[in-house]
PDB file of N, CA and C in Angstrom:
ATOM      1  N   MET A   1     -61.019  -4.945 -67.236  1.00  0.00           N
ATOM      2  CA  MET A   1     -61.007  -6.309 -66.680  1.00  0.00           C
ATOM      3  C   MET A   1     -62.301  -6.987 -67.064  1.00  0.00           C
ATOM      4  N   ASN A   2     -62.157  -8.244 -67.512  1.00  0.00           N
ATOM      5  CA  ASN A   2     -63.297  -9.026 -67.894  1.00  0.00           C
ATOM      6  C   ASN A   2     -63.943  -9.682 -66.708  1.00  0.00           C
ATOM      7  N   THR A   3     -65.216 -10.104 -66.901  1.00  0.00           N
ATOM      8  CA  THR A   3     -65.910 -10.793 -65.806  1.00  0.00           C
ATOM      9  C   THR A   3     -65.565 -12.286 -65.930  1.00  0.00           C
ATOM     10  N   ILE A   4     -65.972 -13.047 -64.908  1.00  0.00           N
ATOM     11  CA  ILE A   4     -65.796 -14.490 -64.899  1.00  0.00           C
ATOM     12  C   ILE A   4     -66.681 -15.071 -65.983  1.00  0.00           C
ATOM     13  N   PRO A   5     -66.223 -16.069 -66.698  1.00  0.00           N
ATOM     14  CA  PRO A   5     -67.043 -16.655 -67.781  1.00  0.00           C
ATOM     15  C   PRO A   5     -68.393 -17.086 -67.332  1.00  0.00           C
ATOM     16  N   ALA A   6     -69.384 -16.908 -68.132  1.00  0.00           N
ATOM     17  CA  ALA A   6     -70.784 -17.239 -67.800  1.00  0.00           C
ATOM     18  C   ALA A   6     -70.998 -18.757 -67.572  1.00  0.00           C
ATOM     19  N   THR A   7     -70.052 -19.591 -68.024  1.00  0.00           N
ATOM     20  CA  THR A   7     -70.227 -21.022 -67.914  1.00  0.00           C
ATOM     21  C   THR A   7     -69.942 -21.474 -66.464  1.00  0.00           C
ATOM     22  N   LEU A   8     -69.395 -20.600 -65.664  1.00  0.00           N
ATOM     23  CA  LEU A   8     -69.080 -20.996 -64.250  1.00  0.00           C
ATOM     24  C   LEU A   8     -70.327 -20.679 -63.432  1.00  0.00           C
ATOM     25  N   SER A   9     -70.590 -21.585 -62.500  1.00  0.00           N
ATOM     26  CA  SER A   9     -71.784 -21.513 -61.654  1.00  0.00           C
ATOM     27  C   SER A   9     -71.720 -20.456 -60.549  1.00  0.00           C
ATOM     28  N   PRO A  10     -72.834 -19.781 -60.226  1.00  0.00           N
ATOM     29  CA  PRO A  10     -72.849 -18.801 -59.180  1.00  0.00           C
ATOM     30  C   PRO A  10     -73.023 -19.479 -57.809  1.00  0.00           C
ATOM     31  N   SER A  11     -73.153 -20.796 -57.736  1.00  0.00           N
ATOM     32  CA  SER A  11     -73.265 -21.539 -56.471  1.00  0.00           C
ATOM     33  C   SER A  11     -71.906 -21.561 -55.796  1.00  0.00           C
ATOM     34  N   PRO A  12     -71.910 -22.017 -54.462  1.00  0.00           N
ATOM     35  CA  PRO A  12     -70.602 -22.056 -53.779  1.00  0.00           C
ATOM     36  C   PRO A  12     -69.581 -22.812 -54.604  1.00  0.00           C
ATOM     37  N   ARG A  13     -68.373 -22.230 -54.644  1.00  0.00           N
ATOM     38  CA  ARG A  13     -67.316 -22.747 -55.524  1.00  0.00           C
ATOM     39  C   ARG A  13     -66.062 -23.018 -54.754  1.00  0.00           C
ATOM     40  N   ASN A  14     -65.276 -23.939 -55.227  1.00  0.00           N
ATOM     41  CA  ASN A  14     -63.968 -24.296 -54.705  1.00  0.00           C
ATOM     42  C   ASN A  14     -62.895 -23.403 -55.270  1.00  0.00           C
ATOM     43  N   LEU A  15     -62.525 -22.379 -54.546  1.00  0.00           N
ATOM     44  CA  LEU A  15     -61.554 -21.373 -55.052  1.00  0.00           C
ATOM     45  C   LEU A  15     -60.257 -21.456 -54.305  1.00  0.00           C
ATOM     46  N   ALA A  16     -59.188 -21.044 -54.923  1.00  0.00           N
ATOM     47  CA  ALA A  16     -57.880 -20.966 -54.252  1.00  0.00           C
ATOM     48  C   ALA A  16     -57.219 -19.643 -54.668  1.00  0.00           C
ATOM     49  N   LEU A  17     -56.549 -19.003 -53.701  1.00  0.00           N
ATOM     50  CA  LEU A  17     -55.814 -17.828 -53.958  1.00  0.00           C
ATOM     51  C   LEU A  17     -54.320 -18.112 -53.613  1.00  0.00           C
ATOM     52  N   THR A  18     -53.452 -17.905 -54.481  1.00  0.00           N
ATOM     53  CA  THR A  18     -52.047 -18.199 -54.274  1.00  0.00           C
ATOM     54  C   THR A  18     -51.192 -16.998 -54.695  1.00  0.00           C
ATOM     55  N   VAL A  19     -50.000 -16.957 -54.181  1.00  0.00           N
ATOM     56  CA  VAL A  19     -49.059 -15.922 -54.538  1.00  0.00           C
ATOM     57  C   VAL A  19     -47.771 -16.561 -55.013  1.00  0.00           C
ATOM     58  N   HIS A  20     -47.281 -16.083 -56.149  1.00  0.00           N
ATOM     59  CA  HIS A  20     -46.048 -16.567 -56.764  1.00  0.00           C
ATOM     60  C   HIS A  20     -44.991 -15.466 -56.837  1.00  0.00           C
ATOM     61  N   GLU A  21     -43.780 -15.824 -56.514  1.00  0.00           N
ATOM     62  CA  GLU A  21     -42.629 -14.897 -56.694  1.00  0.00           C
ATOM     63  C   GLU A  21     -41.938 -15.290 -57.957  1.00  0.00           C
ATOM     64  N   LEU A  22     -42.288 -14.617 -59.087  1.00  0.00           N
ATOM     65  CA  LEU A  22     -41.769 -14.975 -60.381  1.00  0.00           C
ATOM     66  C   LEU A  22     -40.305 -14.511 -60.575  1.00  0.00           C
ATOM     67  N   GLU A  23     -39.966 -13.370 -60.022  1.00  0.00           N
ATOM     68  CA  GLU A  23     -38.629 -12.856 -60.023  1.00  0.00           C
ATOM     69  C   GLU A  23     -38.336 -12.410 -58.549  1.00  0.00           C
ATOM     70  N   PRO A  24     -37.088 -12.402 -58.117  1.00  0.00           N
ATOM     71  CA  PRO A  24     -36.834 -11.965 -56.733  1.00  0.00           C
ATOM     72  C   PRO A  24     -37.462 -10.628 -56.415  1.00  0.00           C
ATOM     73  N   GLY A  25     -38.323 -10.581 -55.393  1.00  0.00           N
ATOM     74  CA  GLY A  25     -38.968  -9.340 -54.955  1.00  0.00           C
ATOM     75  C   GLY A  25     -40.203  -8.966 -55.779  1.00  0.00           C
ATOM     76  N   GLU A  26     -40.610  -9.816 -56.693  1.00  0.00           N
ATOM     77  CA  GLU A  26     -41.835  -9.477 -57.518  1.00  0.00           C
ATOM     78  C   GLU A  26     -42.897 -10.613 -57.287  1.00  0.00           C
ATOM     79  N   PHE A  27     -43.957 -10.218 -56.583  1.00  0.00           N
ATOM     80  CA  PHE A  27     -44.980 -11.145 -56.150  1.00  0.00           C
ATOM     81  C   PHE A  27     -46.276 -10.919 -56.915  1.00  0.00           C
ATOM     82  N   TYR A  28     -46.904 -11.983 -57.382  1.00  0.00           N
ATOM     83  CA  TYR A  28     -48.129 -11.919 -58.190  1.00  0.00           C
ATOM     84  C   TYR A  28     -49.137 -12.898 -57.510  1.00  0.00           C
ATOM     85  N   TRP A  29     -50.369 -12.387 -57.379  1.00  0.00           N
ATOM     86  CA  TRP A  29     -51.485 -13.237 -56.908  1.00  0.00           C
ATOM     87  C   TRP A  29     -52.133 -13.896 -58.081  1.00  0.00           C
ATOM     88  N   VAL A  30     -52.696 -15.066 -57.843  1.00  0.00           N
ATOM     89  CA  VAL A  30     -53.473 -15.833 -58.845  1.00  0.00           C
ATOM     90  C   VAL A  30     -54.691 -16.421 -58.148  1.00  0.00           C
ATOM     91  N   LEU A  31     -55.841 -16.142 -58.644  1.00  0.00           N
ATOM     92  CA  LEU A  31     -57.110 -16.679 -58.166  1.00  0.00           C
ATOM     93  C   LEU A  31     -57.527 -17.831 -59.122  1.00  0.00           C
ATOM     94  N   MET A  32     -57.760 -18.999 -58.491  1.00  0.00           N
ATOM     95  CA  MET A  32     -58.047 -20.203 -59.287  1.00  0.00           C
ATOM     96  C   MET A  32     -59.316 -20.875 -58.793  1.00  0.00           C
ATOM     97  N   GLU A  33     -59.907 -21.731 -59.690  1.00  0.00           N
ATOM     98  CA  GLU A  33     -61.108 -22.502 -59.313  1.00  0.00           C
ATOM     99  C   GLU A  33     -60.888 -23.984 -59.666  1.00  0.00           C
ATOM    100  N   ALA A  34     -61.348 -24.825 -58.780  1.00  0.00           N
ATOM    101  CA  ALA A  34     -61.258 -26.265 -59.043  1.00  0.00           C
ATOM    102  C   ALA A  34     -62.111 -26.664 -60.225  1.00  0.00           C
ATOM    103  N   VAL A  35     -61.577 -27.540 -61.088  1.00  0.00           N
ATOM    104  CA  VAL A  35     -62.336 -27.963 -62.233  1.00  0.00           C
ATOM    105  C   VAL A  35     -63.020 -29.306 -62.025  1.00  0.00           C
ATOM    106  N   ASP A  36     -62.884 -29.813 -60.828  1.00  0.00           N
ATOM    107  CA  ASP A  36     -63.625 -31.055 -60.489  1.00  0.00           C
ATOM    108  C   ASP A  36     -64.412 -30.798 -59.174  1.00  0.00           C
ATOM    109  N   ASP A  37     -65.391 -31.635 -58.912  1.00  0.00           N
ATOM    110  CA  ASP A  37     -66.106 -31.454 -57.703  1.00  0.00           C
ATOM    111  C   ASP A  37     -66.065 -32.678 -56.780  1.00  0.00           C
ATOM    112  N   ALA A  38     -64.992 -33.401 -56.875  1.00  0.00           N
ATOM    113  CA  ALA A  38     -64.766 -34.540 -55.956  1.00  0.00           C
ATOM    114  C   ALA A  38     -64.558 -34.083 -54.580  1.00  0.00           C
ATOM    115  N   ALA A  39     -65.062 -34.853 -53.643  1.00  0.00           N
ATOM    116  CA  ALA A  39     -64.888 -34.483 -52.247  1.00  0.00           C
ATOM    117  C   ALA A  39     -64.285 -35.737 -51.499  1.00  0.00           C
ATOM    118  N   GLY A  40     -63.764 -35.474 -50.355  1.00  0.00           N
ATOM    119  CA  GLY A  40     -63.294 -36.599 -49.513  1.00  0.00           C
ATOM    120  C   GLY A  40     -61.848 -36.457 -49.208  1.00  0.00           C
ATOM    121  N   GLU A  41     -61.440 -37.345 -48.255  1.00  0.00           N
ATOM    122  CA  GLU A  41     -59.996 -37.339 -47.844  1.00  0.00           C
ATOM    123  C   GLU A  41     -59.124 -37.900 -48.978  1.00  0.00           C
ATOM    124  N   GLY A  42     -57.994 -37.254 -49.141  1.00  0.00           N
ATOM    125  CA  GLY A  42     -57.024 -37.723 -50.147  1.00  0.00           C
ATOM    126  C   GLY A  42     -57.355 -37.321 -51.553  1.00  0.00           C
ATOM    127  N   VAL A  43     -58.422 -36.518 -51.773  1.00  0.00           N
ATOM    128  CA  VAL A  43     -58.773 -36.161 -53.131  1.00  0.00           C
ATOM    129  C   VAL A  43     -57.817 -34.992 -53.568  1.00  0.00           C
ATOM    130  N   VAL A  44     -57.314 -35.030 -54.765  1.00  0.00           N
ATOM    131  CA  VAL A  44     -56.475 -34.045 -55.294  1.00  0.00           C
ATOM    132  C   VAL A  44     -57.300 -33.256 -56.350  1.00  0.00           C
ATOM    133  N   HIS A  45     -57.381 -31.960 -56.156  1.00  0.00           N
ATOM    134  CA  HIS A  45     -58.093 -31.092 -57.099  1.00  0.00           C
ATOM    135  C   HIS A  45     -57.203 -30.512 -58.157  1.00  0.00           C
ATOM    136  N   SER A  46     -57.788 -30.340 -59.333  1.00  0.00           N
ATOM    137  CA  SER A  46     -57.105 -29.587 -60.411  1.00  0.00           C
ATOM    138  C   SER A  46     -57.748 -28.252 -60.485  1.00  0.00           C
ATOM    139  N   TYR A  47     -56.900 -27.201 -60.654  1.00  0.00           N
ATOM    140  CA  TYR A  47     -57.426 -25.791 -60.675  1.00  0.00           C
ATOM    141  C   TYR A  47     -57.036 -25.138 -61.963  1.00  0.00           C
ATOM    142  N   LEU A  48     -57.938 -24.269 -62.385  1.00  0.00           N
ATOM    143  CA  LEU A  48     -57.692 -23.391 -63.547  1.00  0.00           C
ATOM    144  C   LEU A  48     -57.703 -21.943 -63.068  1.00  0.00           C
ATOM    145  N   PRO A  49     -56.805 -21.138 -63.608  1.00  0.00           N
ATOM    146  CA  PRO A  49     -56.748 -19.709 -63.180  1.00  0.00           C
ATOM    147  C   PRO A  49     -58.011 -18.943 -63.686  1.00  0.00           C
ATOM    148  N   LEU A  50     -58.495 -18.070 -62.800  1.00  0.00           N
ATOM    149  CA  LEU A  50     -59.637 -17.185 -63.152  1.00  0.00           C
ATOM    150  C   LEU A  50     -59.154 -15.766 -63.391  1.00  0.00           C
ATOM    151  N   GLU A  51     -58.308 -15.278 -62.474  1.00  0.00           N
ATOM    152  CA  GLU A  51     -57.772 -13.881 -62.561  1.00  0.00           C
ATOM    153  C   GLU A  51     -56.335 -13.988 -62.055  1.00  0.00           C
ATOM    154  N   ALA A  52     -55.547 -13.002 -62.476  1.00  0.00           N
ATOM    155  CA  ALA A  52     -54.199 -12.880 -62.007  1.00  0.00           C
ATOM    156  C   ALA A  52     -53.704 -11.455 -62.044  1.00  0.00           C
ATOM    157  N   ALA A  53     -52.755 -11.122 -61.219  1.00  0.00           N
ATOM    158  CA  ALA A  53     -52.125  -9.799 -61.244  1.00  0.00           C
ATOM    159  C   ALA A  53     -51.285  -9.667 -62.528  1.00  0.00           C
ATOM    160  N   ILE A  54     -51.320  -8.487 -63.060  1.00  0.00           N
ATOM    161  CA  ILE A  54     -50.440  -8.190 -64.232  1.00  0.00           C
ATOM    162  C   ILE A  54     -49.220  -7.526 -63.723  1.00  0.00           C
ATOM    163  N   GLU A  55     -49.360  -6.641 -62.750  1.00  0.00           N
ATOM    164  CA  GLU A  55     -48.186  -5.935 -62.205  1.00  0.00           C
ATOM    165  C   GLU A  55     -47.766  -6.604 -60.914  1.00  0.00           C
ATOM    166  N   PRO A  56     -46.457  -6.689 -60.663  1.00  0.00           N
ATOM    167  CA  PRO A  56     -45.979  -7.316 -59.405  1.00  0.00           C
ATOM    168  C   PRO A  56     -46.230  -6.450 -58.216  1.00  0.00           C
ATOM    169  N   HIS A  57     -46.249  -7.073 -57.058  1.00  0.00           N
ATOM    170  CA  HIS A  57     -46.358  -6.397 -55.766  1.00  0.00           C
ATOM    171  C   HIS A  57     -44.951  -6.565 -55.093  1.00  0.00           C
ATOM    172  N   SER A  58     -44.673  -5.665 -54.204  1.00  0.00           N
ATOM    173  CA  SER A  58     -43.313  -5.632 -53.565  1.00  0.00           C
ATOM    174  C   SER A  58     -43.177  -6.669 -52.479  1.00  0.00           C
ATOM    175  N   SER A  59     -44.243  -7.300 -51.973  1.00  0.00           N
ATOM    176  CA  SER A  59     -44.095  -8.286 -50.932  1.00  0.00           C
ATOM    177  C   SER A  59     -45.231  -9.342 -51.101  1.00  0.00           C
ATOM    178  N   TYR A  60     -44.980 -10.461 -50.513  1.00  0.00           N
ATOM    179  CA  TYR A  60     -45.960 -11.547 -50.519  1.00  0.00           C
ATOM    180  C   TYR A  60     -47.275 -11.069 -49.884  1.00  0.00           C
ATOM    181  N   SER A  61     -47.183 -10.378 -48.752  1.00  0.00           N
ATOM    182  CA  SER A  61     -48.405  -9.936 -48.079  1.00  0.00           C
ATOM    183  C   SER A  61     -49.210  -8.903 -48.896  1.00  0.00           C
ATOM    184  N   ASN A  62     -48.519  -8.009 -49.597  1.00  0.00           N
ATOM    185  CA  ASN A  62     -49.238  -7.065 -50.437  1.00  0.00           C
ATOM    186  C   ASN A  62     -49.923  -7.753 -51.568  1.00  0.00           C
ATOM    187  N   ALA A  63     -49.285  -8.717 -52.148  1.00  0.00           N
ATOM    188  CA  ALA A  63     -49.952  -9.462 -53.227  1.00  0.00           C
ATOM    189  C   ALA A  63     -51.091 -10.252 -52.702  1.00  0.00           C
ATOM    190  N   LEU A  64     -50.996 -10.820 -51.551  1.00  0.00           N
ATOM    191  CA  LEU A  64     -52.105 -11.597 -50.967  1.00  0.00           C
ATOM    192  C   LEU A  64     -53.337 -10.687 -50.659  1.00  0.00           C
ATOM    193  N   VAL A  65     -53.040  -9.535 -50.093  1.00  0.00           N
ATOM    194  CA  VAL A  65     -54.175  -8.557 -49.806  1.00  0.00           C
ATOM    195  C   VAL A  65     -54.782  -8.080 -51.090  1.00  0.00           C
ATOM    196  N   ALA A  66     -54.032  -7.870 -52.158  1.00  0.00           N
ATOM    197  CA  ALA A  66     -54.610  -7.454 -53.441  1.00  0.00           C
ATOM    198  C   ALA A  66     -55.459  -8.582 -54.009  1.00  0.00           C
ATOM    199  N   GLY A  67     -55.011  -9.808 -53.897  1.00  0.00           N
ATOM    200  CA  GLY A  67     -55.841 -10.923 -54.355  1.00  0.00           C
ATOM    201  C   GLY A  67     -57.151 -11.072 -53.601  1.00  0.00           C
ATOM    202  N   VAL A  68     -57.102 -10.891 -52.306  1.00  0.00           N
ATOM    203  CA  VAL A  68     -58.330 -10.943 -51.496  1.00  0.00           C
ATOM    204  C   VAL A  68     -59.256  -9.844 -51.880  1.00  0.00           C
ATOM    205  N   SER A  69     -58.719  -8.661 -52.196  1.00  0.00           N
ATOM    206  CA  SER A  69     -59.549  -7.554 -52.662  1.00  0.00           C
ATOM    207  C   SER A  69     -60.301  -7.881 -53.920  1.00  0.00           C
ATOM    208  N   VAL A  70     -59.586  -8.498 -54.865  1.00  0.00           N
ATOM    209  CA  VAL A  70     -60.244  -8.934 -56.122  1.00  0.00           C
ATOM    210  C   VAL A  70     -61.288 -10.017 -55.858  1.00  0.00           C
ATOM    211  N   LEU A  71     -60.953 -10.948 -54.983  1.00  0.00           N
ATOM    212  CA  LEU A  71     -61.929 -12.014 -54.630  1.00  0.00           C
ATOM    213  C   LEU A  71     -63.184 -11.366 -54.017  1.00  0.00           C
ATOM    214  N   ARG A  72     -63.059 -10.385 -53.200  1.00  0.00           N
ATOM    215  CA  ARG A  72     -64.250  -9.707 -52.592  1.00  0.00           C
ATOM    216  C   ARG A  72     -64.956  -8.956 -53.669  1.00  0.00           C
ATOM    217  N   ARG A  73     -64.271  -8.304 -54.575  1.00  0.00           N
ATOM    218  CA  ARG A  73     -64.949  -7.573 -55.647  1.00  0.00           C
ATOM    219  C   ARG A  73     -65.765  -8.492 -56.522  1.00  0.00           C
ATOM    220  N   LEU A  74     -65.202  -9.690 -56.854  1.00  0.00           N
ATOM    221  CA  LEU A  74     -65.894 -10.607 -57.741  1.00  0.00           C
ATOM    222  C   LEU A  74     -67.062 -11.291 -57.048  1.00  0.00           C
ATOM    223  N   PHE A  75     -66.922 -11.669 -55.753  1.00  0.00           N
ATOM    224  CA  PHE A  75     -67.875 -12.530 -55.064  1.00  0.00           C
ATOM    225  C   PHE A  75     -68.552 -11.892 -53.868  1.00  0.00           C
ATOM    226  N   GLY A  76     -68.219 -10.675 -53.523  1.00  0.00           N
ATOM    227  CA  GLY A  76     -68.758 -10.034 -52.363  1.00  0.00           C
ATOM    228  C   GLY A  76     -68.049 -10.516 -51.079  1.00  0.00           C
ATOM    229  N   THR A  77     -68.356  -9.858 -49.972  1.00  0.00           N
ATOM    230  CA  THR A  77     -67.694 -10.119 -48.722  1.00  0.00           C
ATOM    231  C   THR A  77     -68.103 -11.490 -48.145  1.00  0.00           C
ATOM    232  N   GLU A  78     -69.223 -12.004 -48.547  1.00  0.00           N
ATOM    233  CA  GLU A  78     -69.694 -13.321 -48.058  1.00  0.00           C
ATOM    234  C   GLU A  78     -69.181 -14.466 -48.802  1.00  0.00           C
ATOM    235  N   GLY A  79     -68.473 -14.224 -49.929  1.00  0.00           N
ATOM    236  CA  GLY A  79     -67.831 -15.299 -50.654  1.00  0.00           C
ATOM    237  C   GLY A  79     -68.680 -15.773 -51.836  1.00  0.00           C
ATOM    238  N   PRO A  80     -68.155 -16.684 -52.676  1.00  0.00           N
ATOM    239  CA  PRO A  80     -68.866 -17.158 -53.837  1.00  0.00           C
ATOM    240  C   PRO A  80     -70.150 -17.878 -53.473  1.00  0.00           C
ATOM    241  N   GLY A  81     -71.215 -17.579 -54.239  1.00  0.00           N
ATOM    242  CA  GLY A  81     -72.487 -18.275 -54.021  1.00  0.00           C
ATOM    243  C   GLY A  81     -73.371 -17.642 -52.905  1.00  0.00           C
ATOM    244  N   ARG A  82     -72.870 -16.607 -52.295  1.00  0.00           N
ATOM    245  CA  ARG A  82     -73.577 -15.950 -51.256  1.00  0.00           C
ATOM    246  C   ARG A  82     -74.120 -14.590 -51.796  1.00  0.00           C
ATOM    247  N   PRO A  83     -75.129 -14.009 -51.100  1.00  0.00           N
ATOM    248  CA  PRO A  83     -75.648 -12.719 -51.536  1.00  0.00           C
ATOM    249  C   PRO A  83     -74.535 -11.727 -51.497  1.00  0.00           C
ATOM    250  N   GLN A  84     -74.466 -10.901 -52.592  1.00  0.00           N
ATOM    251  CA  GLN A  84     -73.358  -9.950 -52.620  1.00  0.00           C
ATOM    252  C   GLN A  84     -73.738  -8.584 -52.076  1.00  0.00           C
ATOM    253  N   ASP A  85     -72.752  -7.883 -51.622  1.00  0.00           N
ATOM    254  CA  ASP A  85     -72.901  -6.503 -51.152  1.00  0.00           C
ATOM    255  C   ASP A  85     -73.164  -5.653 -52.351  1.00  0.00           C
ATOM    256  N   THR A  86     -74.135  -4.758 -52.263  1.00  0.00           N
ATOM    257  CA  THR A  86     -74.511  -3.918 -53.405  1.00  0.00           C
ATOM    258  C   THR A  86     -73.703  -2.637 -53.502  1.00  0.00           C
ATOM    259  N   ARG A  87     -72.886  -2.338 -52.464  1.00  0.00           N
ATOM    260  CA  ARG A  87     -72.059  -1.140 -52.544  1.00  0.00           C
ATOM    261  C   ARG A  87     -70.986  -1.255 -53.623  1.00  0.00           C
ATOM    262  N   THR A  88     -70.532  -0.182 -54.140  1.00  0.00           N
ATOM    263  CA  THR A  88     -69.506  -0.198 -55.168  1.00  0.00           C
ATOM    264  C   THR A  88     -68.163  -0.320 -54.504  1.00  0.00           C
ATOM    265  N   PRO A  89     -67.411  -1.440 -54.738  1.00  0.00           N
ATOM    266  CA  PRO A  89     -66.091  -1.547 -54.169  1.00  0.00           C
ATOM    267  C   PRO A  89     -65.032  -0.799 -54.965  1.00  0.00           C
ATOM    268  N   ASP A  90     -63.911  -0.555 -54.290  1.00  0.00           N
ATOM    269  CA  ASP A  90     -62.778  -0.016 -54.995  1.00  0.00           C
ATOM    270  C   ASP A  90     -62.231  -1.030 -55.968  1.00  0.00           C
ATOM    271  N   VAL A  91     -61.928  -0.699 -57.163  1.00  0.00           N
ATOM    272  CA  VAL A  91     -61.452  -1.648 -58.162  1.00  0.00           C
ATOM    273  C   VAL A  91     -59.934  -1.531 -58.241  1.00  0.00           C
ATOM    274  N   PRO A  92     -59.280  -2.615 -57.823  1.00  0.00           N
ATOM    275  CA  PRO A  92     -57.802  -2.524 -57.866  1.00  0.00           C
ATOM    276  C   PRO A  92     -57.305  -2.639 -59.344  1.00  0.00           C
ATOM    277  N   GLY A  93     -56.299  -1.927 -59.640  1.00  0.00           N
ATOM    278  CA  GLY A  93     -55.732  -1.947 -60.997  1.00  0.00           C
ATOM    279  C   GLY A  93     -54.758  -3.131 -61.179  1.00  0.00           C
ATOM    280  N   GLY A  94     -54.367  -3.309 -62.401  1.00  0.00           N
ATOM    281  CA  GLY A  94     -53.344  -4.360 -62.703  1.00  0.00           C
ATOM    282  C   GLY A  94     -53.853  -5.788 -62.581  1.00  0.00           C
ATOM    283  N   THR A  95     -55.057  -6.062 -63.004  1.00  0.00           N
ATOM    284  CA  THR A  95     -55.529  -7.439 -62.992  1.00  0.00           C
ATOM    285  C   THR A  95     -55.960  -7.856 -64.390  1.00  0.00           C
ATOM    286  N   ARG A  96     -56.045  -9.121 -64.576  1.00  0.00           N
ATOM    287  CA  ARG A  96     -56.521  -9.638 -65.866  1.00  0.00           C
ATOM    288  C   ARG A  96     -57.308 -10.917 -65.681  1.00  0.00           C
ATOM    289  N   SER A  97     -58.263 -11.127 -66.526  1.00  0.00           N
ATOM    290  CA  SER A  97     -59.040 -12.407 -66.520  1.00  0.00           C
ATOM    291  C   SER A  97     -58.243 -13.411 -67.329  1.00  0.00           C
ATOM    292  N   LEU A  98     -58.298 -14.634 -66.877  1.00  0.00           N
ATOM    293  CA  LEU A  98     -57.569 -15.697 -67.574  1.00  0.00           C
ATOM    294  C   LEU A  98     -58.529 -16.647 -68.240  1.00  0.00           C
TER     295      LEU A  98
END
C-alpha cells in the first residue's frame, strides 16, 4: 500500500469516508479529501479519493469499520493534523492508494 502523496498537507484536513455497494452484497469503503478549502453555509465541496478497498466486504458496517481502521492507521487515533500514536497498528489488507 502506498502512502498519501507528499503534496497533501499534514495540517487538519477535510476528509470523508463513504461506503458503496457496487454489486448486491459487495460493499467497498472509499476515503476522500476535499480539494477546496471553502467554508460556510451552503458550500459544496469537491472530493478526490485517497484510498479505497480492493476487496469487497459482506456488509455496509464491515466496510465502514475497515475504512475507519485505515483512517486511523493513516492519521492516528486523534485524526489528521494531530499528533499520531507511535504504536504499530494492525494493517488491514485489501487496500489501495488512489
